[in-house]
């Protein structure tokens, strides 16, 4: 049986030794090499083509995130598992965006690290529970910040009237407000939706079910 070849990247020798000791008792995993900083990791990844790289983030010179970006761009078949003491939203999202296949904090158990290595090797993603929570919260935050939800009732009303084909002056007369006020709302609507012409506003309103396709 071919073993999973792992490159360990960490600027602390004690951490590298610890991972090596954990791997030593695993029949299906072996250490292919070690690196103490990002530049060396990139070079070792090219030379050794490991199956999995256990990557620290905070290192001198090229950090783990940049090293991950460069490695996964040139060698997408290499799976990077970020192992770090940082467990914040910023680091988790940055690691995922950089191309990491997994994220696990250094406080995790050794058995959990071995499970993570096997998971990313199989092509699965591995996220420690705290990292999963962060990603879910970030997704929900983005959903809640959907542009339509940030529009006021008046802005939605004006958007609907625009989509129905009314001119700005007609909208002003219908709502008993000034033309200037209508134009001001229209500008804010376009800014919030990042839409810059009437045709796209109509299409957006249709997608939201504010007007029928026959309007």
N, C-alpha and C. Protein backbone atom coordinates (compact mmCIF):
# COMPACT_ATOMS: atom_id res chain seq x y z
N UNK A 1 0.84 -1.20 0.00
CA UNK A 1 0.00 0.00 0.00
C UNK A 1 0.87 1.25 0.00
N UNK A 2 0.60 2.17 -0.95
CA UNK A 2 1.35 3.42 -1.00
C UNK A 2 0.98 4.29 0.20
N UNK A 3 2.00 4.87 0.80
CA UNK A 3 1.76 5.73 1.95
C UNK A 3 1.48 7.17 1.51
N UNK A 4 0.78 7.88 2.35
CA UNK A 4 0.51 9.30 2.09
C UNK A 4 1.77 10.08 2.44
N UNK A 5 2.34 10.74 1.45
CA UNK A 5 3.59 11.46 1.65
C UNK A 5 3.30 12.89 2.10
N UNK A 6 3.83 13.24 3.26
CA UNK A 6 3.52 14.54 3.88
C UNK A 6 4.75 15.43 4.01
N UNK A 7 4.58 16.69 3.62
CA UNK A 7 5.61 17.71 3.83
C UNK A 7 5.14 18.57 5.00
N UNK A 8 5.97 18.66 6.03
CA UNK A 8 5.61 19.44 7.22
C UNK A 8 6.31 20.80 7.17
N UNK A 9 5.52 21.86 7.25
CA UNK A 9 6.06 23.22 7.17
C UNK A 9 5.70 23.99 8.44
N UNK A 10 6.72 24.29 9.24
CA UNK A 10 6.52 25.04 10.48
C UNK A 10 7.86 25.61 10.90
N UNK A 11 7.87 26.83 11.40
CA UNK A 11 9.15 27.43 11.78
C UNK A 11 9.62 26.99 13.16
N UNK A 12 8.83 26.16 13.83
CA UNK A 12 9.25 25.63 15.13
C UNK A 12 9.65 24.16 14.98
N UNK A 13 10.93 23.87 15.26
CA UNK A 13 11.42 22.50 15.15
C UNK A 13 10.66 21.55 16.06
N UNK A 14 10.25 22.04 17.23
CA UNK A 14 9.53 21.20 18.19
C UNK A 14 8.20 20.73 17.59
N UNK A 15 7.53 21.61 16.87
CA UNK A 15 6.26 21.24 16.25
C UNK A 15 6.49 20.22 15.14
N UNK A 16 7.54 20.42 14.35
CA UNK A 16 7.83 19.47 13.28
C UNK A 16 8.17 18.10 13.86
N UNK A 17 8.94 18.11 14.95
CA UNK A 17 9.30 16.84 15.61
C UNK A 17 8.06 16.13 16.14
N UNK A 18 7.13 16.93 16.66
CA UNK A 18 5.90 16.35 17.22
C UNK A 18 5.08 15.67 16.14
N UNK A 19 4.97 16.33 14.99
CA UNK A 19 4.20 15.74 13.89
C UNK A 19 4.90 14.49 13.37
N UNK A 20 6.21 14.56 13.29
CA UNK A 20 6.98 13.40 12.83
C UNK A 20 6.73 12.21 13.77
N UNK A 21 6.68 12.46 15.06
CA UNK A 21 6.45 11.39 16.03
C UNK A 21 5.05 10.79 15.87
N UNK A 22 4.06 11.66 15.58
CA UNK A 22 2.70 11.19 15.38
C UNK A 22 2.61 10.31 14.13
N UNK A 23 3.29 10.75 13.07
CA UNK A 23 3.25 10.02 11.80
C UNK A 23 3.97 8.68 11.92
N UNK A 24 4.98 8.64 12.76
CA UNK A 24 5.79 7.42 12.90
C UNK A 24 4.97 6.20 13.29
N UNK A 25 3.86 6.39 13.97
CA UNK A 25 3.05 5.26 14.41
C UNK A 25 1.90 4.97 13.45
N UNK A 26 1.87 5.69 12.33
CA UNK A 26 0.82 5.48 11.33
C UNK A 26 1.36 4.63 10.18
N UNK A 27 0.69 3.57 9.85
CA UNK A 27 1.16 2.68 8.80
C UNK A 27 0.93 3.24 7.41
N UNK A 28 -0.01 4.19 7.28
CA UNK A 28 -0.38 4.69 5.96
C UNK A 28 0.13 6.10 5.65
N UNK A 29 0.93 6.67 6.56
CA UNK A 29 1.44 8.03 6.36
C UNK A 29 2.94 8.06 6.61
N UNK A 30 3.66 8.87 5.85
CA UNK A 30 5.09 9.03 6.07
C UNK A 30 5.50 10.48 5.82
N UNK A 31 6.57 10.92 6.44
CA UNK A 31 7.10 12.26 6.25
C UNK A 31 8.00 12.27 5.02
N UNK A 32 7.64 13.11 4.04
CA UNK A 32 8.43 13.21 2.81
C UNK A 32 9.52 14.26 2.96
N UNK A 33 9.29 15.22 3.86
CA UNK A 33 10.26 16.28 4.05
C UNK A 33 9.76 17.33 5.01
N UNK A 34 10.61 18.30 5.32
CA UNK A 34 10.26 19.38 6.24
C UNK A 34 10.75 20.72 5.68
N UNK A 35 10.10 21.78 6.12
CA UNK A 35 10.52 23.14 5.74
C UNK A 35 10.20 24.05 6.92
N UNK A 36 11.02 25.07 7.08
CA UNK A 36 10.85 25.97 8.23
C UNK A 36 10.28 27.32 7.86
N UNK A 37 10.07 27.58 6.58
CA UNK A 37 9.45 28.85 6.16
C UNK A 37 8.87 28.69 4.76
N UNK A 38 8.09 29.72 4.35
CA UNK A 38 7.34 29.64 3.10
C UNK A 38 8.16 29.40 1.84
N UNK A 39 9.24 30.11 1.68
CA UNK A 39 10.06 29.97 0.47
C UNK A 39 10.58 28.55 0.34
N UNK A 40 11.05 28.02 1.46
CA UNK A 40 11.56 26.64 1.46
C UNK A 40 10.43 25.66 1.16
N UNK A 41 9.24 25.96 1.66
CA UNK A 41 8.09 25.08 1.43
C UNK A 41 7.76 25.00 -0.06
N UNK A 42 7.82 26.14 -0.72
CA UNK A 42 7.53 26.19 -2.16
C UNK A 42 8.55 25.36 -2.92
N UNK A 43 9.81 25.49 -2.53
CA UNK A 43 10.88 24.74 -3.20
C UNK A 43 10.74 23.24 -2.94
N UNK A 44 10.45 22.87 -1.68
CA UNK A 44 10.31 21.46 -1.33
C UNK A 44 9.08 20.85 -2.01
N UNK A 45 8.03 21.63 -2.14
CA UNK A 45 6.83 21.14 -2.81
C UNK A 45 7.13 20.80 -4.26
N UNK A 46 7.95 21.61 -4.89
CA UNK A 46 8.32 21.38 -6.29
C UNK A 46 9.25 20.17 -6.41
N UNK A 47 10.18 20.05 -5.47
CA UNK A 47 11.16 18.96 -5.53
C UNK A 47 10.56 17.61 -5.12
N UNK A 48 9.76 17.61 -4.07
CA UNK A 48 9.28 16.35 -3.49
C UNK A 48 7.88 15.93 -3.95
N UNK A 49 7.11 16.89 -4.49
CA UNK A 49 5.71 16.64 -4.87
C UNK A 49 4.99 15.75 -3.86
N UNK A 50 4.86 16.23 -2.63
CA UNK A 50 4.17 15.43 -1.59
C UNK A 50 2.67 15.35 -1.90
N UNK A 51 2.00 14.42 -1.25
CA UNK A 51 0.55 14.31 -1.41
C UNK A 51 -0.16 15.38 -0.59
N UNK A 52 0.37 15.62 0.61
CA UNK A 52 -0.24 16.58 1.53
C UNK A 52 0.84 17.45 2.16
N UNK A 53 0.54 18.74 2.32
CA UNK A 53 1.44 19.65 3.03
C UNK A 53 0.73 20.14 4.27
N UNK A 54 1.33 19.90 5.43
CA UNK A 54 0.80 20.44 6.68
C UNK A 54 1.48 21.79 6.86
N UNK A 55 0.72 22.86 6.72
CA UNK A 55 1.28 24.21 6.59
C UNK A 55 0.93 25.13 7.76
N UNK A 56 1.95 25.68 8.39
CA UNK A 56 1.73 26.71 9.41
C UNK A 56 1.47 28.02 8.67
N UNK A 57 0.85 28.99 9.32
CA UNK A 57 0.57 30.27 8.68
C UNK A 57 1.63 31.31 9.02
N UNK A 58 1.85 31.54 10.31
CA UNK A 58 2.76 32.59 10.75
C UNK A 58 4.20 32.11 10.71
N UNK A 59 4.93 32.53 9.67
CA UNK A 59 6.33 32.16 9.53
C UNK A 59 7.11 33.35 8.97
N UNK A 60 8.39 33.43 9.21
CA UNK A 60 9.19 34.53 8.68
C UNK A 60 9.28 34.47 7.16
N UNK A 61 9.49 35.62 6.54
CA UNK A 61 9.59 35.66 5.09
C UNK A 61 8.23 35.44 4.46
N UNK A 62 8.15 34.54 3.50
CA UNK A 62 6.86 34.22 2.87
C UNK A 62 6.02 33.42 3.86
N UNK A 63 4.85 33.94 4.21
CA UNK A 63 4.03 33.23 5.21
C UNK A 63 3.30 32.05 4.58
N UNK A 64 2.62 31.30 5.42
CA UNK A 64 1.96 30.09 4.98
C UNK A 64 0.84 30.32 3.98
N UNK A 65 0.13 31.43 4.12
CA UNK A 65 -0.96 31.72 3.19
C UNK A 65 -0.45 31.97 1.78
N UNK A 66 0.60 32.78 1.67
CA UNK A 66 1.17 33.07 0.37
C UNK A 66 1.80 31.81 -0.23
N UNK A 67 2.46 31.03 0.61
CA UNK A 67 3.05 29.78 0.14
C UNK A 67 1.96 28.84 -0.38
N UNK A 68 0.83 28.79 0.34
CA UNK A 68 -0.29 27.96 -0.08
C UNK A 68 -0.82 28.40 -1.44
N UNK A 69 -0.99 29.72 -1.61
CA UNK A 69 -1.47 30.25 -2.89
C UNK A 69 -0.56 29.83 -4.04
N UNK A 70 0.73 29.98 -3.85
CA UNK A 70 1.68 29.67 -4.93
C UNK A 70 1.74 28.17 -5.21
N UNK A 71 1.72 27.38 -4.17
CA UNK A 71 1.82 25.93 -4.34
C UNK A 71 0.57 25.36 -5.02
N UNK A 72 -0.61 25.75 -4.54
CA UNK A 72 -1.84 25.20 -5.11
C UNK A 72 -2.08 25.70 -6.53
N UNK A 73 -1.54 26.86 -6.86
CA UNK A 73 -1.68 27.39 -8.22
C UNK A 73 -0.84 26.58 -9.20
N UNK A 74 0.39 26.25 -8.80
CA UNK A 74 1.29 25.49 -9.68
C UNK A 74 1.07 23.98 -9.58
N UNK A 75 0.68 23.52 -8.41
CA UNK A 75 0.49 22.07 -8.20
C UNK A 75 -0.84 21.81 -7.52
N UNK A 76 -1.95 21.97 -8.24
CA UNK A 76 -3.28 21.79 -7.63
C UNK A 76 -3.53 20.40 -7.07
N UNK A 77 -2.72 19.42 -7.51
CA UNK A 77 -2.91 18.06 -7.00
C UNK A 77 -2.38 17.90 -5.58
N UNK A 78 -1.52 18.85 -5.14
CA UNK A 78 -1.01 18.80 -3.77
C UNK A 78 -2.05 19.42 -2.83
N UNK A 79 -2.42 18.70 -1.80
CA UNK A 79 -3.42 19.18 -0.85
C UNK A 79 -2.73 19.86 0.33
N UNK A 80 -3.14 21.07 0.62
CA UNK A 80 -2.56 21.82 1.73
C UNK A 80 -3.52 21.81 2.92
N UNK A 81 -3.00 21.37 4.04
CA UNK A 81 -3.77 21.36 5.29
C UNK A 81 -3.15 22.40 6.21
N UNK A 82 -3.87 23.45 6.48
CA UNK A 82 -3.35 24.52 7.34
C UNK A 82 -3.47 24.10 8.81
N UNK A 83 -2.35 24.12 9.49
CA UNK A 83 -2.29 23.78 10.92
C UNK A 83 -1.70 24.99 11.63
N UNK A 84 -2.49 25.68 12.41
CA UNK A 84 -2.02 26.94 12.99
C UNK A 84 -2.62 27.20 14.36
N UNK A 85 -1.97 28.05 15.11
CA UNK A 85 -2.49 28.43 16.43
C UNK A 85 -3.57 29.49 16.29
N UNK A 86 -3.66 30.10 15.10
CA UNK A 86 -4.67 31.13 14.85
C UNK A 86 -6.00 30.47 14.47
N UNK A 87 -7.05 30.91 15.11
CA UNK A 87 -8.36 30.30 14.88
C UNK A 87 -9.42 31.39 14.75
N UNK A 88 -9.09 32.42 13.98
CA UNK A 88 -10.01 33.55 13.83
C UNK A 88 -10.66 33.53 12.45
N UNK A 89 -11.71 34.30 12.30
CA UNK A 89 -12.44 34.39 11.02
C UNK A 89 -11.51 34.81 9.90
N UNK A 90 -10.66 35.79 10.18
CA UNK A 90 -9.74 36.30 9.16
C UNK A 90 -8.84 35.20 8.62
N UNK A 91 -8.27 34.41 9.51
CA UNK A 91 -7.33 33.37 9.08
C UNK A 91 -8.04 32.21 8.38
N UNK A 92 -9.19 31.82 8.89
CA UNK A 92 -9.93 30.71 8.28
C UNK A 92 -10.33 31.06 6.85
N UNK A 93 -10.93 32.24 6.67
CA UNK A 93 -11.37 32.65 5.34
C UNK A 93 -10.19 32.84 4.39
N UNK A 94 -9.10 33.40 4.91
CA UNK A 94 -7.91 33.61 4.07
C UNK A 94 -7.32 32.28 3.62
N UNK A 95 -7.32 31.30 4.52
CA UNK A 95 -6.77 29.98 4.18
C UNK A 95 -7.60 29.31 3.09
N UNK A 96 -8.91 29.40 3.22
CA UNK A 96 -9.79 28.79 2.21
C UNK A 96 -9.61 29.48 0.87
N UNK A 97 -9.54 30.81 0.88
CA UNK A 97 -9.36 31.57 -0.36
C UNK A 97 -8.00 31.28 -0.99
N UNK A 98 -7.02 30.97 -0.16
CA UNK A 98 -5.67 30.70 -0.67
C UNK A 98 -5.58 29.33 -1.33
N UNK A 99 -6.60 28.49 -1.12
CA UNK A 99 -6.61 27.18 -1.76
C UNK A 99 -6.40 26.01 -0.82
N UNK A 100 -6.38 26.27 0.49
CA UNK A 100 -6.19 25.18 1.45
C UNK A 100 -7.36 24.20 1.39
N UNK A 101 -7.06 22.92 1.50
CA UNK A 101 -8.10 21.88 1.47
C UNK A 101 -8.61 21.59 2.87
N UNK A 102 -7.89 22.09 3.87
CA UNK A 102 -8.32 21.84 5.24
C UNK A 102 -7.75 22.86 6.20
N UNK A 103 -8.36 22.94 7.36
CA UNK A 103 -7.94 23.91 8.38
C UNK A 103 -8.14 23.28 9.75
N UNK A 104 -7.06 23.22 10.51
CA UNK A 104 -7.13 22.62 11.85
C UNK A 104 -6.21 23.39 12.80
N UNK A 105 -6.68 23.73 13.98
CA UNK A 105 -5.84 24.47 14.94
C UNK A 105 -4.86 23.56 15.66
N UNK A 106 -3.80 24.16 16.17
CA UNK A 106 -2.76 23.37 16.83
C UNK A 106 -3.22 22.80 18.17
N UNK A 107 -4.35 23.26 18.65
CA UNK A 107 -4.86 22.70 19.90
C UNK A 107 -5.60 21.37 19.68
N UNK A 108 -5.76 21.00 18.43
CA UNK A 108 -6.46 19.74 18.11
C UNK A 108 -5.64 18.54 18.57
N UNK A 109 -6.28 17.41 18.70
CA UNK A 109 -5.61 16.19 19.10
C UNK A 109 -4.77 15.64 17.94
N UNK A 110 -3.75 14.88 18.28
CA UNK A 110 -2.92 14.28 17.25
C UNK A 110 -3.73 13.38 16.34
N UNK A 111 -4.68 12.65 16.89
CA UNK A 111 -5.53 11.76 16.09
C UNK A 111 -6.37 12.55 15.10
N UNK A 112 -6.77 13.76 15.50
CA UNK A 112 -7.56 14.61 14.61
C UNK A 112 -6.71 15.10 13.45
N UNK A 113 -5.44 15.38 13.71
CA UNK A 113 -4.54 15.80 12.64
C UNK A 113 -4.36 14.67 11.63
N UNK A 114 -4.19 13.46 12.11
CA UNK A 114 -4.02 12.32 11.20
C UNK A 114 -5.29 12.10 10.37
N UNK A 115 -6.43 12.27 11.00
CA UNK A 115 -7.70 12.15 10.28
C UNK A 115 -7.80 13.22 9.20
N UNK A 116 -7.35 14.44 9.54
CA UNK A 116 -7.40 15.55 8.59
C UNK A 116 -6.50 15.26 7.38
N UNK A 117 -5.32 14.73 7.64
CA UNK A 117 -4.39 14.40 6.56
C UNK A 117 -5.01 13.37 5.63
N UNK A 118 -5.60 12.36 6.19
CA UNK A 118 -6.24 11.31 5.36
C UNK A 118 -7.41 11.87 4.57
N UNK A 119 -8.15 12.77 5.19
CA UNK A 119 -9.33 13.34 4.52
C UNK A 119 -8.95 14.16 3.29
N UNK A 120 -8.00 15.07 3.45
CA UNK A 120 -7.63 15.92 2.31
C UNK A 120 -6.93 15.10 1.24
N UNK A 121 -6.22 14.05 1.65
CA UNK A 121 -5.56 13.18 0.69
C UNK A 121 -6.59 12.49 -0.21
N UNK A 122 -7.72 12.11 0.38
CA UNK A 122 -8.79 11.45 -0.38
C UNK A 122 -9.53 12.42 -1.31
N UNK A 123 -9.23 13.69 -1.16
CA UNK A 123 -9.92 14.68 -1.99
C UNK A 123 -11.06 15.38 -1.29
N UNK A 124 -11.24 15.07 0.00
CA UNK A 124 -12.29 15.72 0.78
C UNK A 124 -11.73 16.99 1.43
N UNK A 125 -12.62 17.83 1.88
CA UNK A 125 -12.20 19.00 2.64
C UNK A 125 -12.29 18.64 4.12
N UNK A 126 -11.41 19.25 4.91
CA UNK A 126 -11.47 19.00 6.35
C UNK A 126 -11.46 20.33 7.08
N UNK A 127 -12.50 20.58 7.83
CA UNK A 127 -12.58 21.80 8.62
C UNK A 127 -12.86 21.43 10.07
N UNK A 128 -12.01 21.91 10.95
CA UNK A 128 -12.22 21.71 12.38
C UNK A 128 -13.54 22.39 12.74
N UNK A 129 -14.30 21.86 13.70
CA UNK A 129 -15.60 22.43 14.05
C UNK A 129 -15.62 23.95 14.19
N UNK A 130 -14.61 24.53 14.82
CA UNK A 130 -14.60 25.99 15.00
C UNK A 130 -14.49 26.69 13.65
N UNK A 131 -13.73 26.11 12.72
CA UNK A 131 -13.58 26.70 11.39
C UNK A 131 -14.89 26.59 10.61
N UNK A 132 -15.58 25.46 10.76
CA UNK A 132 -16.87 25.28 10.10
C UNK A 132 -17.86 26.32 10.58
N UNK A 133 -17.86 26.56 11.87
CA UNK A 133 -18.75 27.56 12.46
C UNK A 133 -18.48 28.94 11.87
N UNK A 134 -17.21 29.26 11.73
CA UNK A 134 -16.82 30.57 11.18
C UNK A 134 -17.32 30.72 9.74
N UNK A 135 -17.16 29.67 8.93
CA UNK A 135 -17.58 29.73 7.53
C UNK A 135 -19.11 29.86 7.43
N UNK A 136 -19.83 29.14 8.27
CA UNK A 136 -21.29 29.22 8.26
C UNK A 136 -21.74 30.61 8.66
N UNK A 137 -21.13 31.16 9.70
CA UNK A 137 -21.48 32.51 10.15
C UNK A 137 -21.19 33.54 9.07
N UNK A 138 -20.07 33.35 8.36
CA UNK A 138 -19.72 34.28 7.29
C UNK A 138 -20.74 34.19 6.15
N UNK A 139 -21.16 32.98 5.83
CA UNK A 139 -22.16 32.80 4.78
C UNK A 139 -23.48 33.47 5.17
N UNK A 140 -23.90 33.24 6.41
CA UNK A 140 -25.15 33.84 6.88
C UNK A 140 -25.07 35.36 6.90
N UNK A 141 -23.89 35.86 7.25
CA UNK A 141 -23.69 37.31 7.27
C UNK A 141 -23.86 37.88 5.86
N UNK A 142 -23.31 37.19 4.87
CA UNK A 142 -23.42 37.65 3.49
C UNK A 142 -24.86 37.58 3.00
N UNK A 143 -25.56 36.51 3.41
CA UNK A 143 -26.96 36.38 3.02
C UNK A 143 -27.78 37.52 3.60
N UNK A 144 -27.52 37.82 4.87
CA UNK A 144 -28.27 38.89 5.53
C UNK A 144 -27.96 40.25 4.91
N UNK A 145 -26.80 40.38 4.32
CA UNK A 145 -26.41 41.65 3.72
C UNK A 145 -26.76 41.72 2.23
N UNK A 146 -27.67 40.84 1.78
CA UNK A 146 -28.11 40.88 0.39
C UNK A 146 -28.63 42.28 0.10
N UNK A 147 -28.20 42.89 -0.99
CA UNK A 147 -28.56 44.29 -1.29
C UNK A 147 -30.04 44.61 -1.15
N UNK A 148 -30.90 43.69 -1.58
CA UNK A 148 -32.34 43.95 -1.53
C UNK A 148 -32.80 44.19 -0.09
N UNK A 149 -32.19 43.47 0.85
CA UNK A 149 -32.59 43.60 2.25
C UNK A 149 -32.16 44.94 2.85
N UNK A 150 -31.21 45.60 2.20
CA UNK A 150 -30.74 46.89 2.73
C UNK A 150 -31.52 48.07 2.15
N UNK A 151 -32.45 47.78 1.26
CA UNK A 151 -33.25 48.85 0.67
C UNK A 151 -34.40 49.23 1.61
N UNK A 152 -34.74 50.49 1.62
CA UNK A 152 -35.88 50.95 2.42
C UNK A 152 -37.17 50.62 1.68
N UNK A 153 -38.31 50.71 2.40
CA UNK A 153 -39.60 50.44 1.77
C UNK A 153 -39.86 51.41 0.63
N UNK A 154 -39.46 52.66 0.81
CA UNK A 154 -39.66 53.67 -0.24
C UNK A 154 -38.82 53.34 -1.46
N UNK A 155 -37.59 52.91 -1.24
CA UNK A 155 -36.72 52.56 -2.36
C UNK A 155 -37.28 51.37 -3.13
N UNK A 156 -37.83 50.39 -2.43
CA UNK A 156 -38.43 49.24 -3.10
C UNK A 156 -39.66 49.67 -3.90
N UNK A 157 -40.42 50.59 -3.32
CA UNK A 157 -41.61 51.09 -3.99
C UNK A 157 -41.23 51.79 -5.29
N UNK A 158 -40.19 52.61 -5.23
CA UNK A 158 -39.75 53.34 -6.42
C UNK A 158 -39.15 52.38 -7.44
N UNK A 159 -38.41 51.39 -6.98
CA UNK A 159 -37.84 50.40 -7.90
C UNK A 159 -38.96 49.69 -8.65
N UNK A 160 -40.02 49.33 -7.96
CA UNK A 160 -41.15 48.65 -8.59
C UNK A 160 -41.79 49.54 -9.65
N UNK A 161 -41.95 50.82 -9.35
CA UNK A 161 -42.56 51.75 -10.30
C UNK A 161 -41.66 51.97 -11.52
N UNK A 162 -40.34 52.01 -11.27
CA UNK A 162 -39.39 52.15 -12.39
C UNK A 162 -39.51 50.93 -13.30
N UNK A 163 -39.57 49.76 -12.67
CA UNK A 163 -39.65 48.51 -13.44
C UNK A 163 -40.96 48.41 -14.21
N UNK A 164 -42.00 49.07 -13.71
CA UNK A 164 -43.29 49.05 -14.40
C UNK A 164 -43.32 50.02 -15.57
N UNK A 165 -42.22 50.78 -15.72
CA UNK A 165 -42.11 51.66 -16.89
C UNK A 165 -42.44 53.12 -16.65
N UNK A 166 -42.64 53.51 -15.40
CA UNK A 166 -42.97 54.90 -15.11
C UNK A 166 -41.72 55.78 -15.16
N UNK A 167 -41.89 57.01 -15.61
CA UNK A 167 -40.78 57.96 -15.62
C UNK A 167 -40.60 58.52 -14.23
N UNK A 168 -39.48 59.17 -14.01
CA UNK A 168 -39.20 59.75 -12.70
C UNK A 168 -40.24 60.79 -12.33
N UNK A 169 -40.68 61.59 -13.30
CA UNK A 169 -41.69 62.62 -13.03
C UNK A 169 -43.03 61.98 -12.67
N UNK A 170 -43.38 60.90 -13.37
CA UNK A 170 -44.63 60.21 -13.07
C UNK A 170 -44.60 59.62 -11.67
N UNK A 171 -43.44 59.08 -11.29
CA UNK A 171 -43.29 58.51 -9.95
C UNK A 171 -43.43 59.60 -8.90
N UNK A 172 -42.84 60.76 -9.17
CA UNK A 172 -42.94 61.89 -8.24
C UNK A 172 -44.40 62.30 -8.05
N UNK A 173 -45.15 62.35 -9.14
CA UNK A 173 -46.57 62.74 -9.07
C UNK A 173 -47.39 61.68 -8.33
N UNK A 174 -47.08 60.41 -8.58
CA UNK A 174 -47.85 59.33 -7.96
C UNK A 174 -47.62 59.25 -6.45
N UNK A 175 -46.39 59.57 -6.03
CA UNK A 175 -46.04 59.45 -4.61
C UNK A 175 -46.11 60.79 -3.87
N UNK A 176 -46.45 61.83 -4.62
CA UNK A 176 -46.56 63.17 -4.03
C UNK A 176 -45.24 63.63 -3.40
N UNK A 177 -44.17 63.41 -4.12
CA UNK A 177 -42.85 63.87 -3.70
C UNK A 177 -42.20 64.59 -4.87
N UNK A 178 -41.12 65.28 -4.60
CA UNK A 178 -40.47 66.05 -5.66
C UNK A 178 -39.67 65.16 -6.61
N UNK A 179 -39.44 65.68 -7.80
CA UNK A 179 -38.63 64.95 -8.78
C UNK A 179 -37.22 64.73 -8.24
N UNK A 180 -36.72 65.74 -7.53
CA UNK A 180 -35.38 65.65 -6.96
C UNK A 180 -35.30 64.49 -5.97
N UNK A 181 -36.34 64.32 -5.18
CA UNK A 181 -36.37 63.23 -4.20
C UNK A 181 -36.37 61.87 -4.90
N UNK A 182 -37.15 61.77 -5.96
CA UNK A 182 -37.20 60.52 -6.73
C UNK A 182 -35.83 60.20 -7.30
N UNK A 183 -35.19 61.19 -7.89
CA UNK A 183 -33.87 60.98 -8.49
C UNK A 183 -32.85 60.59 -7.42
N UNK A 184 -33.01 61.18 -6.22
CA UNK A 184 -32.10 60.84 -5.12
C UNK A 184 -32.28 59.38 -4.71
N UNK A 185 -33.53 58.93 -4.61
CA UNK A 185 -33.81 57.53 -4.27
C UNK A 185 -33.27 56.60 -5.35
N UNK A 186 -33.46 57.01 -6.60
CA UNK A 186 -33.01 56.18 -7.72
C UNK A 186 -31.49 55.99 -7.67
N UNK A 187 -30.79 57.06 -7.34
CA UNK A 187 -29.33 56.98 -7.23
C UNK A 187 -28.93 56.02 -6.12
N UNK A 188 -29.60 56.11 -4.98
CA UNK A 188 -29.28 55.22 -3.86
C UNK A 188 -29.60 53.76 -4.20
N UNK A 189 -30.69 53.55 -4.92
CA UNK A 189 -31.07 52.19 -5.32
C UNK A 189 -29.97 51.58 -6.19
N UNK A 190 -29.49 52.35 -7.16
CA UNK A 190 -28.45 51.87 -8.06
C UNK A 190 -27.15 51.59 -7.31
N UNK A 191 -26.84 52.43 -6.34
CA UNK A 191 -25.62 52.24 -5.55
C UNK A 191 -25.71 50.96 -4.73
N UNK A 192 -26.84 50.76 -4.08
CA UNK A 192 -27.01 49.58 -3.23
C UNK A 192 -27.01 48.28 -4.04
N UNK A 193 -27.60 48.33 -5.22
CA UNK A 193 -27.69 47.13 -6.06
C UNK A 193 -26.50 46.99 -7.00
N UNK A 194 -25.67 48.02 -7.05
CA UNK A 194 -24.54 48.04 -7.98
C UNK A 194 -25.03 47.83 -9.41
N UNK A 195 -26.10 48.52 -9.72
CA UNK A 195 -26.69 48.50 -11.06
C UNK A 195 -26.69 49.93 -11.58
N UNK A 196 -26.38 50.09 -12.86
CA UNK A 196 -26.17 51.45 -13.35
C UNK A 196 -26.99 51.85 -14.58
N UNK A 197 -28.05 51.07 -14.87
CA UNK A 197 -28.94 51.50 -15.95
C UNK A 197 -30.34 50.94 -15.71
N UNK A 198 -31.32 51.56 -16.35
CA UNK A 198 -32.72 51.23 -16.11
C UNK A 198 -33.06 49.79 -16.52
N UNK A 199 -32.47 49.33 -17.61
CA UNK A 199 -32.75 47.97 -18.09
C UNK A 199 -32.38 46.92 -17.05
N UNK A 200 -31.21 47.09 -16.43
CA UNK A 200 -30.77 46.13 -15.42
C UNK A 200 -31.63 46.23 -14.16
N UNK A 201 -32.12 47.45 -13.87
CA UNK A 201 -33.01 47.61 -12.72
C UNK A 201 -34.30 46.82 -12.95
N UNK A 202 -34.81 46.87 -14.16
CA UNK A 202 -36.04 46.14 -14.49
C UNK A 202 -35.82 44.64 -14.38
N UNK A 203 -34.68 44.16 -14.89
CA UNK A 203 -34.36 42.74 -14.82
C UNK A 203 -34.25 42.29 -13.36
N UNK A 204 -33.63 43.14 -12.53
CA UNK A 204 -33.46 42.81 -11.12
C UNK A 204 -34.83 42.70 -10.45
N UNK A 205 -35.71 43.67 -10.72
CA UNK A 205 -37.04 43.67 -10.12
C UNK A 205 -37.83 42.43 -10.54
N UNK A 206 -37.64 42.00 -11.78
CA UNK A 206 -38.32 40.79 -12.26
C UNK A 206 -37.81 39.56 -11.53
N UNK A 207 -36.48 39.49 -11.32
CA UNK A 207 -35.91 38.34 -10.62
C UNK A 207 -36.43 38.27 -9.19
N UNK A 208 -36.71 39.44 -8.62
CA UNK A 208 -37.21 39.49 -7.25
C UNK A 208 -38.72 39.32 -7.18
N UNK A 209 -39.37 39.18 -8.34
CA UNK A 209 -40.81 38.98 -8.36
C UNK A 209 -41.60 40.24 -8.06
N UNK A 210 -40.95 41.39 -8.21
CA UNK A 210 -41.64 42.66 -7.92
C UNK A 210 -42.58 43.03 -9.05
N UNK A 211 -42.29 42.60 -10.26
CA UNK A 211 -43.15 42.85 -11.42
C UNK A 211 -43.19 41.57 -12.24
N UNK A 212 -44.22 41.40 -13.01
CA UNK A 212 -44.33 40.20 -13.86
C UNK A 212 -43.56 40.41 -15.14
N UNK A 213 -43.26 39.33 -15.81
CA UNK A 213 -42.51 39.40 -17.06
C UNK A 213 -43.32 40.14 -18.12
N UNK A 214 -44.64 40.15 -17.97
CA UNK A 214 -45.48 40.81 -18.97
C UNK A 214 -45.57 42.30 -18.77
N UNK A 215 -44.97 42.80 -17.64
CA UNK A 215 -45.09 44.23 -17.34
C UNK A 215 -44.40 45.06 -18.41
